[in-house]
Amino acid sequence: MKIVATQDECWDSIAYKTYNDEFYFEQIMQANWRLSDTVMFAGGERVIIPDSIEVDNRMIASPWQTGTQITIIKSPWG
């Protein structure tokens, strides 16, 4: 499937819009290697959306968040 990116859209917002989870941006970027240098779209770019995605239970950060410390707070209720 292909979608047309809108102006100022980024990889994680496309992932959220299509898969309801922004952490799948990496799989979308891999399917669109020719656009991999894009951070924010100008609008009108055709983006390939993989039909299936590989689910990985690891926590990942967006490429522009490299070096950011992520703190996971556990709920006392489980």
Protein backbone atom coordinates (compact mmCIF):
# COMPACT_ATOMS: atom_id res chain seq x y z
CA MET A 1 0.00 0.00 0.00
CA LYS A 2 1.18 3.55 -0.67
CA ILE A 3 0.11 6.79 0.98
CA VAL A 4 0.91 10.38 0.11
CA ALA A 5 2.72 12.23 2.88
CA THR A 6 1.35 15.61 3.91
CA GLN A 7 3.43 18.71 4.59
CA ASP A 8 5.36 18.62 7.90
CA GLU A 9 4.52 14.95 8.47
CA CYS A 10 7.30 12.77 9.89
CA TRP A 11 8.00 9.04 10.06
CA ASP A 12 6.52 8.42 13.49
CA SER A 13 3.32 10.31 12.69
CA ILE A 14 2.88 8.18 9.54
CA ALA A 15 3.42 5.03 11.64
CA TYR A 16 0.86 6.21 14.18
CA LYS A 17 -1.65 7.08 11.46
CA THR A 18 -1.31 3.71 9.71
CA TYR A 19 -0.54 1.25 12.53
CA ASN A 20 -1.82 3.22 15.56
CA ASP A 21 1.71 3.00 17.02
CA GLU A 22 4.51 5.46 16.31
CA PHE A 23 7.21 2.91 17.16
CA TYR A 24 6.70 1.14 13.80
CA PHE A 25 8.40 4.05 12.00
CA GLU A 26 11.54 1.96 11.56
CA GLN A 27 9.79 -0.65 9.40
CA ILE A 28 8.24 2.10 7.25
CA MET A 29 11.64 3.77 6.83
CA GLN A 30 13.21 0.46 5.78
CA ALA A 31 10.54 0.04 3.09
CA ASN A 32 11.30 3.58 1.86
CA TRP A 33 15.10 3.61 1.86
CA ARG A 34 15.12 6.21 -0.94
CA LEU A 35 13.51 8.69 1.48
CA SER A 36 15.61 7.71 4.51
CA ASP A 37 17.28 11.16 4.72
CA THR A 38 13.87 12.80 5.15
CA VAL A 39 12.99 14.00 8.64
CA MET A 40 9.90 16.04 7.79
CA PHE A 41 8.10 15.65 4.50
CA ALA A 42 7.49 18.57 2.17
CA GLY A 43 4.19 16.99 1.13
CA GLY A 44 3.30 14.87 -1.88
CA GLU A 45 5.90 12.13 -1.42
CA ARG A 46 4.61 8.62 -2.02
CA VAL A 47 5.40 6.45 1.00
CA ILE A 48 5.24 2.65 0.87
CA ILE A 49 3.44 1.12 3.85
CA PRO A 50 4.41 -2.55 4.46
CA ASP A 51 1.43 -4.92 4.45
CA SER A 52 2.80 -6.71 7.50
CA ILE A 53 5.24 -5.61 10.14
CA GLU A 54 7.54 -7.58 12.37
CA VAL A 55 6.65 -7.04 16.01
CA ASP A 56 9.64 -6.67 18.26
CA ASN A 57 9.14 -6.16 21.99
CA ARG A 58 12.08 -3.81 22.39
CA MET A 59 11.75 -0.12 23.14
CA ILE A 60 13.27 2.09 20.47
CA ALA A 61 13.73 5.84 20.18
CA SER A 62 13.33 7.93 17.05
CA PRO A 63 16.65 8.64 15.29
CA TRP A 64 16.48 12.29 16.38
CA GLN A 65 16.08 11.20 20.02
CA THR A 66 19.41 9.37 20.16
CA GLY A 67 21.08 10.00 23.49
CA THR A 68 17.80 10.85 25.18
CA GLN A 69 17.37 9.13 28.52
CA ILE A 70 14.11 7.19 28.77
CA THR A 71 12.75 6.38 32.22
CA ILE A 72 10.18 3.63 32.59
CA ILE A 73 7.97 4.00 35.63
CA LYS A 74 6.17 0.86 36.76
CA SER A 75 2.63 1.15 38.02
CA PRO A 76 2.06 -0.14 41.56
CA TRP A 77 -1.02 -1.92 40.14
CA GLY A 78 0.96 -4.14 37.77
